[in-house]
C-alpha atoms as a PDB file:
ATOM      1  CA  UNK A   1    -171.683-127.726 -10.000  1.00  0.00           C
ATOM      2  CA  UNK A   2    -168.678-128.303  -7.600  1.00  0.00           C
ATOM      3  CA  UNK A   3    -167.544-125.096  -6.027  1.00  0.00           C
ATOM      4  CA  UNK A   4    -163.796-126.048  -6.737  1.00  0.00           C
ATOM      5  CA  UNK A   5    -163.993-127.341 -10.334  1.00  0.00           C
ATOM      6  CA  UNK A   6    -166.547-128.228 -12.983  1.00  0.00           C
ATOM      7  CA  UNK A   7    -166.546-131.169 -15.555  1.00  0.00           C
ATOM      8  CA  UNK A   8    -168.431-131.141 -18.727  1.00  0.00           C
ATOM      9  CA  UNK A   9    -168.451-133.957 -21.405  1.00  0.00           C
ATOM     10  CA  UNK A  10    -170.120-134.779 -24.596  1.00  0.00           C
ATOM     11  CA  UNK A  11    -168.633-138.130 -25.053  1.00  0.00           C
ATOM     12  CA  UNK A  12    -171.197-139.415 -27.444  1.00  0.00           C
ATOM     13  CA  UNK A  13    -169.167-141.724 -29.689  1.00  0.00           C
ATOM     14  CA  UNK A  14    -167.021-144.544 -29.007  1.00  0.00           C
ATOM     15  CA  UNK A  15    -163.534-143.490 -30.249  1.00  0.00           C
ATOM     16  CA  UNK A  16    -160.203-144.988 -29.464  1.00  0.00           C
ATOM     17  CA  UNK A  17    -158.843-141.699 -28.695  1.00  0.00           C
ATOM     18  CA  UNK A  18    -160.418-139.090 -26.376  1.00  0.00           C
ATOM     19  CA  UNK A  19    -159.367-135.446 -25.504  1.00  0.00           C
ATOM     20  CA  UNK A  20    -159.697-134.060 -21.982  1.00  0.00           C
ATOM     21  CA  UNK A  21    -159.508-130.296 -22.339  1.00  0.00           C
ATOM     22  CA  UNK A  22    -158.116-128.778 -19.113  1.00  0.00           C
ATOM     23  CA  UNK A  23    -158.675-124.986 -18.271  1.00  0.00           C
ATOM     24  CA  UNK A  24    -156.691-124.215 -15.080  1.00  0.00           C
ATOM     25  CA  UNK A  25    -157.339-120.506 -15.072  1.00  0.00           C
ATOM     26  CA  UNK A  26    -161.091-120.504 -16.178  1.00  0.00           C
ATOM     27  CA  UNK A  27    -162.401-118.487 -13.407  1.00  0.00           C
ATOM     28  CA  UNK A  28    -161.725-115.101 -11.495  1.00  0.00           C
ATOM     29  CA  UNK A  29    -163.872-116.010  -8.591  1.00  0.00           C
ATOM     30  CA  UNK A  30    -162.586-115.268  -5.190  1.00  0.00           C
ATOM     31  CA  UNK A  31    -164.769-116.322  -2.147  1.00  0.00           C
ATOM     32  CA  UNK A  32    -166.205-113.465  -0.068  1.00  0.00           C
ATOM     33  CA  UNK A  33    -164.330-114.354   2.947  1.00  0.00           C
ATOM     34  CA  UNK A  34    -161.120-113.462   1.154  1.00  0.00           C
ATOM     35  CA  UNK A  35    -162.184-109.772   0.642  1.00  0.00           C
ATOM     36  CA  UNK A  36    -161.159-109.779  -3.032  1.00  0.00           C
ATOM     37  CA  UNK A  37    -157.594-110.158  -1.628  1.00  0.00           C
ATOM     38  CA  UNK A  38    -157.595-106.360  -1.242  1.00  0.00           C
ATOM     39  CA  UNK A  39    -157.899-105.830  -5.018  1.00  0.00           C
ATOM     40  CA  UNK A  40    -160.112-103.407  -6.913  1.00  0.00           C
ATOM     41  CA  UNK A  41    -162.693-104.848  -9.367  1.00  0.00           C
ATOM     42  CA  UNK A  42    -160.837-103.664 -12.584  1.00  0.00           C
ATOM     43  CA  UNK A  43    -157.885-105.827 -11.565  1.00  0.00           C
ATOM     44  CA  UNK A  44    -160.081-108.881 -10.701  1.00  0.00           C
ATOM     45  CA  UNK A  45    -161.615-108.649 -14.248  1.00  0.00           C
ATOM     46  CA  UNK A  46    -158.089-108.458 -15.890  1.00  0.00           C
ATOM     47  CA  UNK A  47    -155.670-111.084 -16.909  1.00  0.00           C
ATOM     48  CA  UNK A  48    -154.011-111.064 -13.540  1.00  0.00           C
ATOM     49  CA  UNK A  49    -156.921-112.913 -11.894  1.00  0.00           C
ATOM     50  CA  UNK A  50    -157.729-115.423 -14.682  1.00  0.00           C
ATOM     51  CA  UNK A  51    -157.039-116.407 -18.384  1.00  0.00           C
ATOM     52  CA  UNK A  52    -159.423-114.269 -20.359  1.00  0.00           C
ATOM     53  CA  UNK A  53    -161.544-116.089 -23.007  1.00  0.00           C
ATOM     54  CA  UNK A  54    -160.118-119.451 -22.148  1.00  0.00           C
ATOM     55  CA  UNK A  55    -163.123-120.979 -20.433  1.00  0.00           C
ATOM     56  CA  UNK A  56    -165.369-120.209 -23.531  1.00  0.00           C
ATOM     57  CA  UNK A  57    -162.999-121.637 -25.969  1.00  0.00           C
ATOM     58  CA  UNK A  58    -162.577-124.687 -23.867  1.00  0.00           C
ATOM     59  CA  UNK A  59    -166.389-125.376 -23.490  1.00  0.00           C
ATOM     60  CA  UNK A  60    -167.112-124.741 -27.166  1.00  0.00           C
ATOM     61  CA  UNK A  61    -164.280-127.044 -28.381  1.00  0.00           C
ATOM     62  CA  UNK A  62    -165.439-129.706 -26.064  1.00  0.00           C
ATOM     63  CA  UNK A  63    -169.084-129.587 -27.307  1.00  0.00           C
ATOM     64  CA  UNK A  64    -168.121-129.438 -31.017  1.00  0.00           C
ATOM     65  CA  UNK A  65    -165.709-132.373 -30.829  1.00  0.00           C
ATOM     66  CA  UNK A  66    -167.763-134.478 -28.399  1.00  0.00           C
ATOM     67  CA  UNK A  67    -164.969-134.652 -25.917  1.00  0.00           C
ATOM     68  CA  UNK A  68    -164.570-133.627 -22.119  1.00  0.00           C
ATOM     69  CA  UNK A  69    -163.159-130.773 -20.143  1.00  0.00           C
ATOM     70  CA  UNK A  70    -162.317-129.902 -16.806  1.00  0.00           C
ATOM     71  CA  UNK A  71    -162.253-126.302 -15.468  1.00  0.00           C
ATOM     72  CA  UNK A  72    -161.348-124.482 -12.338  1.00  0.00           C
ATOM     73  CA  UNK A  73    -163.912-122.401 -10.413  1.00  0.00           C
ATOM     74  CA  UNK A  74    -161.574-120.227  -8.431  1.00  0.00           C
ATOM     75  CA  UNK A  75    -158.935-117.438  -9.251  1.00  0.00           C
ATOM     76  CA  UNK A  76    -155.248-118.347  -9.606  1.00  0.00           C
ATOM     77  CA  UNK A  77    -154.713-115.460  -7.195  1.00  0.00           C
ATOM     78  CA  UNK A  78    -156.262-117.699  -4.416  1.00  0.00           C
ATOM     79  CA  UNK A  79    -153.894-120.531  -5.445  1.00  0.00           C
ATOM     80  CA  UNK A  80    -152.508-121.482  -8.870  1.00  0.00           C
ATOM     81  CA  UNK A  81    -153.303-125.140  -9.860  1.00  0.00           C
ATOM     82  CA  UNK A  82    -150.712-124.961 -12.533  1.00  0.00           C
ATOM     83  CA  UNK A  83    -147.775-124.666  -9.984  1.00  0.00           C
ATOM     84  CA  UNK A  84    -146.021-127.233  -7.926  1.00  0.00           C
ATOM     85  CA  UNK A  85    -146.808-126.996  -4.090  1.00  0.00           C
ATOM     86  CA  UNK A  86    -143.136-126.001  -3.285  1.00  0.00           C
ATOM     87  CA  UNK A  87    -142.745-122.997  -5.557  1.00  0.00           C
ATOM     88  CA  UNK A  88    -142.890-119.266  -4.489  1.00  0.00           C
ATOM     89  CA  UNK A  89    -145.516-118.281  -6.969  1.00  0.00           C
ATOM     90  CA  UNK A  90    -148.025-121.085  -5.868  1.00  0.00           C
ATOM     91  CA  UNK A  91    -149.721-118.287  -4.131  1.00  0.00           C
ATOM     92  CA  UNK A  92    -148.766-115.010  -5.891  1.00  0.00           C
ATOM     93  CA  UNK A  93    -147.805-111.960  -3.798  1.00  0.00           C
ATOM     94  CA  UNK A  94    -147.166-109.872  -6.942  1.00  0.00           C
ATOM     95  CA  UNK A  95    -148.497-110.148 -10.610  1.00  0.00           C
ATOM     96  CA  UNK A  96    -147.536-107.918 -13.546  1.00  0.00           C
ATOM     97  CA  UNK A  97    -146.248-105.281 -11.012  1.00  0.00           C
ATOM     98  CA  UNK A  98    -149.290-105.329  -9.057  1.00  0.00           C
ATOM     99  CA  UNK A  99    -149.268-106.440  -5.330  1.00  0.00           C
ATOM    100  CA  UNK A 100    -151.779-108.860  -3.990  1.00  0.00           C
ATOM    101  CA  UNK A 101    -152.289-107.495  -0.465  1.00  0.00           C
ATOM    102  CA  UNK A 102    -154.298-110.607   0.705  1.00  0.00           C
ATOM    103  CA  UNK A 103    -151.346-112.767  -0.184  1.00  0.00           C
ATOM    104  CA  UNK A 104    -148.476-110.615   1.148  1.00  0.00           C
ATOM    105  CA  UNK A 105    -148.316-111.828   4.706  1.00  0.00           C
ATOM    106  CA  UNK A 106    -149.626-115.496   4.268  1.00  0.00           C
ATOM    107  CA  UNK A 107    -148.570-117.816   6.980  1.00  0.00           C
ATOM    108  CA  UNK A 108    -148.027-121.423   6.606  1.00  0.00           C
ATOM    109  CA  UNK A 109    -151.330-122.533   8.126  1.00  0.00           C
ATOM    110  CA  UNK A 110    -153.156-120.344   5.567  1.00  0.00           C
ATOM    111  CA  UNK A 111    -151.220-121.703   2.654  1.00  0.00           C
ATOM    112  CA  UNK A 112    -152.023-125.316   3.761  1.00  0.00           C
ATOM    113  CA  UNK A 113    -155.647-124.426   4.214  1.00  0.00           C
ATOM    114  CA  UNK A 114    -155.767-123.223   0.554  1.00  0.00           C
ATOM    115  CA  UNK A 115    -153.820-126.324  -0.590  1.00  0.00           C
ATOM    116  CA  UNK A 116    -156.458-128.542   1.189  1.00  0.00           C
ATOM    117  CA  UNK A 117    -159.531-126.564   0.212  1.00  0.00           C
ATOM    118  CA  UNK A 118    -158.725-125.651  -3.431  1.00  0.00           C
ATOM    119  CA  UNK A 119    -155.546-127.217  -4.832  1.00  0.00           C
ATOM    120  CA  UNK A 120    -155.735-130.792  -3.829  1.00  0.00           C
ATOM    121  CA  UNK A 121    -159.561-131.204  -4.580  1.00  0.00           C
ATOM    122  CA  UNK A 122    -158.889-129.782  -8.111  1.00  0.00           C
ATOM    123  CA  UNK A 123    -156.095-132.196  -8.944  1.00  0.00           C
ATOM    124  CA  UNK A 124    -157.983-135.275  -7.422  1.00  0.00           C
ATOM    125  CA  UNK A 125    -161.020-134.358  -9.541  1.00  0.00           C
ATOM    126  CA  UNK A 126    -158.984-134.150 -12.617  1.00  0.00           C
ATOM    127  CA  UNK A 127    -157.116-137.339 -11.954  1.00  0.00           C
ATOM    128  CA  UNK A 128    -160.517-139.070 -11.406  1.00  0.00           C
ATOM    129  CA  UNK A 129    -161.866-137.933 -14.771  1.00  0.00           C
ATOM    130  CA  UNK A 130    -158.699-138.788 -16.652  1.00  0.00           C
ATOM    131  CA  UNK A 131    -158.772-142.326 -15.112  1.00  0.00           C
ATOM    132  CA  UNK A 132    -162.463-142.810 -16.154  1.00  0.00           C
ATOM    133  CA  UNK A 133    -161.714-141.818 -19.806  1.00  0.00           C
ATOM    134  CA  UNK A 134    -158.656-143.996 -19.899  1.00  0.00           C
ATOM    135  CA  UNK A 135    -160.836-147.112 -18.907  1.00  0.00           C
ATOM    136  CA  UNK A 136    -163.471-146.127 -21.530  1.00  0.00           C
ATOM    137  CA  UNK A 137    -161.166-145.298 -24.529  1.00  0.00           C
ATOM    138  CA  UNK A 138    -158.012-146.865 -25.522  1.00  0.00           C
ATOM    139  CA  UNK A 139    -156.161-143.503 -25.599  1.00  0.00           C
ATOM    140  CA  UNK A 140    -156.376-140.319 -23.830  1.00  0.00           C
ATOM    141  CA  UNK A 141    -154.661-137.014 -24.642  1.00  0.00           C
ATOM    142  CA  UNK A 142    -154.612-133.880 -22.587  1.00  0.00           C
ATOM    143  CA  UNK A 143    -154.985-130.361 -23.902  1.00  0.00           C
ATOM    144  CA  UNK A 144    -154.633-127.388 -21.616  1.00  0.00           C
ATOM    145  CA  UNK A 145    -156.157-124.198 -22.811  1.00  0.00           C
ATOM    146  CA  UNK A 146    -154.770-120.801 -21.603  1.00  0.00           C
ATOM    147  CA  UNK A 147    -154.510-117.234 -22.708  1.00  0.00           C
ATOM    148  CA  UNK A 148    -151.681-114.615 -22.499  1.00  0.00           C
ATOM    149  CA  UNK A 149    -151.483-110.907 -22.527  1.00  0.00           C
ATOM    150  CA  UNK A 150    -150.349-109.082 -25.661  1.00  0.00           C
ATOM    151  CA  UNK A 151    -149.104-105.901 -24.113  1.00  0.00           C
ATOM    152  CA  UNK A 152    -147.700-104.400 -20.934  1.00  0.00           C
ATOM    153  CA  UNK A 153    -145.215-101.507 -20.311  1.00  0.00           C
ATOM    154  CA  UNK A 154    -142.451-104.075 -20.670  1.00  0.00           C
ATOM    155  CA  UNK A 155    -143.480-106.067 -23.717  1.00  0.00           C
ATOM    156  CA  UNK A 156    -145.549-106.378 -26.872  1.00  0.00           C
ATOM    157  CA  UNK A 157    -146.106-109.965 -27.927  1.00  0.00           C
ATOM    158  CA  UNK A 158    -146.755-110.808 -31.456  1.00  0.00           C
ATOM    159  CA  UNK A 159    -147.493-114.471 -31.815  1.00  0.00           C
ATOM    160  CA  UNK A 160    -151.202-115.418 -31.732  1.00  0.00           C
ATOM    161  CA  UNK A 161    -150.822-118.982 -30.260  1.00  0.00           C
ATOM    162  CA  UNK A 162    -148.062-120.412 -28.219  1.00  0.00           C
ATOM    163  CA  UNK A 163    -147.523-124.189 -27.996  1.00  0.00           C
ATOM    164  CA  UNK A 164    -146.002-125.317 -24.718  1.00  0.00           C
ATOM    165  CA  UNK A 165    -144.590-128.820 -24.213  1.00  0.00           C
ATOM    166  CA  UNK A 166    -142.109-130.622 -21.973  1.00  0.00           C
ATOM    167  CA  UNK A 167    -141.019-134.143 -22.480  1.00  0.00           C
ATOM    168  CA  UNK A 168    -143.452-135.260 -25.031  1.00  0.00           C
ATOM    169  CA  UNK A 169    -143.622-133.650 -28.513  1.00  0.00           C
ATOM    170  CA  UNK A 170    -146.164-135.986 -30.166  1.00  0.00           C
ATOM    171  CA  UNK A 171    -148.903-133.377 -30.409  1.00  0.00           C
ATOM    172  CA  UNK A 172    -146.693-130.455 -30.872  1.00  0.00           C
ATOM    173  CA  UNK A 173    -145.426-131.429 -34.322  1.00  0.00           C
ATOM    174  CA  UNK A 174    -148.861-132.162 -35.999  1.00  0.00           C
ATOM    175  CA  UNK A 175    -150.611-129.150 -34.326  1.00  0.00           C
ATOM    176  CA  UNK A 176    -147.745-126.774 -35.309  1.00  0.00           C
ATOM    177  CA  UNK A 177    -147.900-127.987 -38.862  1.00  0.00           C
ATOM    178  CA  UNK A 178    -151.646-127.400 -39.050  1.00  0.00           C
ATOM    179  CA  UNK A 179    -151.452-123.911 -37.409  1.00  0.00           C
ATOM    180  CA  UNK A 180    -148.752-123.025 -40.012  1.00  0.00           C
ATOM    181  CA  UNK A 181    -150.985-124.130 -42.805  1.00  0.00           C
ATOM    182  CA  UNK A 182    -153.578-121.795 -41.555  1.00  0.00           C
ATOM    183  CA  UNK A 183    -151.020-119.027 -41.518  1.00  0.00           C
ATOM    184  CA  UNK A 184    -150.963-118.516 -37.687  1.00  0.00           C
ATOM    185  CA  UNK A 185    -148.237-116.913 -36.018  1.00  0.00           C
ATOM    186  CA  UNK A 186    -147.023-119.283 -33.370  1.00  0.00           C
ATOM    187  CA  UNK A 187    -144.333-119.409 -30.730  1.00  0.00           C
ATOM    188  CA  UNK A 188    -142.867-122.682 -29.414  1.00  0.00           C
ATOM    189  CA  UNK A 189    -142.718-122.826 -25.599  1.00  0.00           C
ATOM    190  CA  UNK A 190    -143.723-118.977 -25.757  1.00  0.00           C
ATOM    191  CA  UNK A 191    -144.477-116.733 -23.992  1.00  0.00           C
ATOM    192  CA  UNK A 192    -143.896-119.285 -21.216  1.00  0.00           C
ATOM    193  CA  UNK A 193    -141.655-122.264 -21.186  1.00  0.00           C
ATOM    194  CA  UNK A 194    -143.257-125.508 -20.877  1.00  0.00           C
ATOM    195  CA  UNK A 195    -140.294-126.832 -19.096  1.00  0.00           C
ATOM    196  CA  UNK A 196    -141.211-124.747 -16.098  1.00  0.00           C
ATOM    197  CA  UNK A 197    -144.857-123.792 -16.235  1.00  0.00           C
ATOM    198  CA  UNK A 198    -146.691-126.996 -17.376  1.00  0.00           C
ATOM    199  CA  UNK A 199    -147.260-128.499 -13.870  1.00  0.00           C
ATOM    200  CA  UNK A 200    -150.726-129.734 -14.417  1.00  0.00           C
ATOM    201  CA  UNK A 201    -149.899-131.370 -17.664  1.00  0.00           C
ATOM    202  CA  UNK A 202    -146.524-132.826 -16.332  1.00  0.00           C
ATOM    203  CA  UNK A 203    -148.260-134.366 -13.405  1.00  0.00           C
ATOM    204  CA  UNK A 204    -151.456-135.735 -14.988  1.00  0.00           C
ATOM    205  CA  UNK A 205    -149.585-137.166 -18.013  1.00  0.00           C
ATOM    206  CA  UNK A 206    -147.077-138.728 -15.649  1.00  0.00           C
ATOM    207  CA  UNK A 207    -144.311-136.768 -17.033  1.00  0.00           C
ATOM    208  CA  UNK A 208    -145.214-137.094 -20.715  1.00  0.00           C
ATOM    209  CA  UNK A 209    -146.539-140.819 -20.811  1.00  0.00           C
ATOM    210  CA  UNK A 210    -149.855-139.354 -21.860  1.00  0.00           C
ATOM    211  CA  UNK A 211    -149.643-137.082 -24.996  1.00  0.00           C
ATOM    212  CA  UNK A 212    -150.311-133.606 -23.863  1.00  0.00           C
ATOM    213  CA  UNK A 213    -149.793-129.999 -24.980  1.00  0.00           C
ATOM    214  CA  UNK A 214    -150.723-126.492 -23.682  1.00  0.00           C
ATOM    215  CA  UNK A 215    -152.310-124.026 -25.985  1.00  0.00           C
ATOM    216  CA  UNK A 216    -151.675-120.418 -25.120  1.00  0.00           C
ATOM    217  CA  UNK A 217    -153.946-118.010 -27.000  1.00  0.00           C
ATOM    218  CA  UNK A 218    -153.240-114.253 -27.143  1.00  0.00           C
ATOM    219  CA  UNK A 219    -156.190-112.824 -25.118  1.00  0.00           C
ATOM    220  CA  UNK A 220    -156.958-109.903 -27.370  1.00  0.00           C
ATOM    221  CA  UNK A 221    -158.011-112.395 -29.906  1.00  0.00           C
ATOM    222  CA  UNK A 222    -160.577-114.111 -27.633  1.00  0.00           C
ATOM    223  CA  UNK A 223    -161.857-111.280 -25.626  1.00  0.00           C
ATOM    224  CA  UNK A 224    -165.063-110.884 -27.533  1.00  0.00           C
ATOM    225  CA  UNK A 225    -167.683-113.401 -29.030  1.00  0.00           C
ATOM    226  CA  UNK A 226    -166.514-112.952 -32.833  1.00  0.00           C
ATOM    227  CA  UNK A 227    -162.917-113.629 -31.766  1.00  0.00           C
ATOM    228  CA  UNK A 228    -163.852-116.627 -29.544  1.00  0.00           C
ATOM    229  CA  UNK A 229    -165.890-118.019 -32.570  1.00  0.00           C
ATOM    230  CA  UNK A 230    -162.980-117.576 -34.986  1.00  0.00           C
ATOM    231  CA  UNK A 231    -160.537-119.262 -32.600  1.00  0.00           C
ATOM    232  CA  UNK A 232    -162.848-122.116 -31.883  1.00  0.00           C
ATOM    233  CA  UNK A 233    -163.246-122.720 -35.719  1.00  0.00           C
ATOM    234  CA  UNK A 234    -159.545-122.693 -36.202  1.00  0.00           C
ATOM    235  CA  UNK A 235    -158.801-125.098 -33.317  1.00  0.00           C
ATOM    236  CA  UNK A 236    -161.740-127.525 -34.142  1.00  0.00           C
ATOM    237  CA  UNK A 237    -160.015-127.955 -37.532  1.00  0.00           C
ATOM    238  CA  UNK A 238    -156.626-128.590 -35.773  1.00  0.00           C
ATOM    239  CA  UNK A 239    -157.914-130.933 -33.158  1.00  0.00           C
ATOM    240  CA  UNK A 240    -160.272-133.106 -35.077  1.00  0.00           C
ATOM    241  CA  UNK A 241    -157.438-134.574 -36.897  1.00  0.00           C
ATOM    242  CA  UNK A 242    -156.198-135.819 -33.612  1.00  0.00           C
ATOM    243  CA  UNK A 243    -159.239-138.164 -33.254  1.00  0.00           C
ATOM    244  CA  UNK A 244    -159.849-141.593 -34.587  1.00  0.00           C
ATOM    245  CA  UNK A 245    -163.100-141.706 -36.685  1.00  0.00           C
END
């Protein structure tokens, strides 16, 4: 396993369409040299450090559908691969009202070191996988799996799944229709806007040339094995319609 990312594939059938599932926030791992960025263990195991449940959902869907996935092996608190390099929250100094001590006084040299060590290898690795699949299949679609928090002192989010998109709505409409048929409470570009928080998909789809969508799942629904199983069953039914038999 690469220390920056991991890649799994069950690409068993020759299909015209192939899905690459992406999980930008699959891990809460922080290297020992970072001294947990000054945070306690309960914070590091919370949504602040990673997207709870997203890795398991991504891996199980990949295997069931015989597709590919690409996962981060580092916490977004080290550096967030789903942000542009020039934005302030590329390396968060604060998250959900918690200060990140190890990021507060970050100098330019350390920022560039993290970009070189984590960010660039992650995106180069993902680009390579997408290119390989494009050469093997006639069509590649990108589906990013995330999770979001239901409650905080400032909000209580009702929707179960959010669908985030930017310039390309080709996947949004059929997926939305299928989820509604299953009576799932969805949000469009909710709880985050795909116009601003979709960097990985925007970049690797070449601003929408490849069909893409980000799936945000409320994390209280996938924080235990039964919930993960139910979610995977639902999304399997949704995504299999995107594949050519």
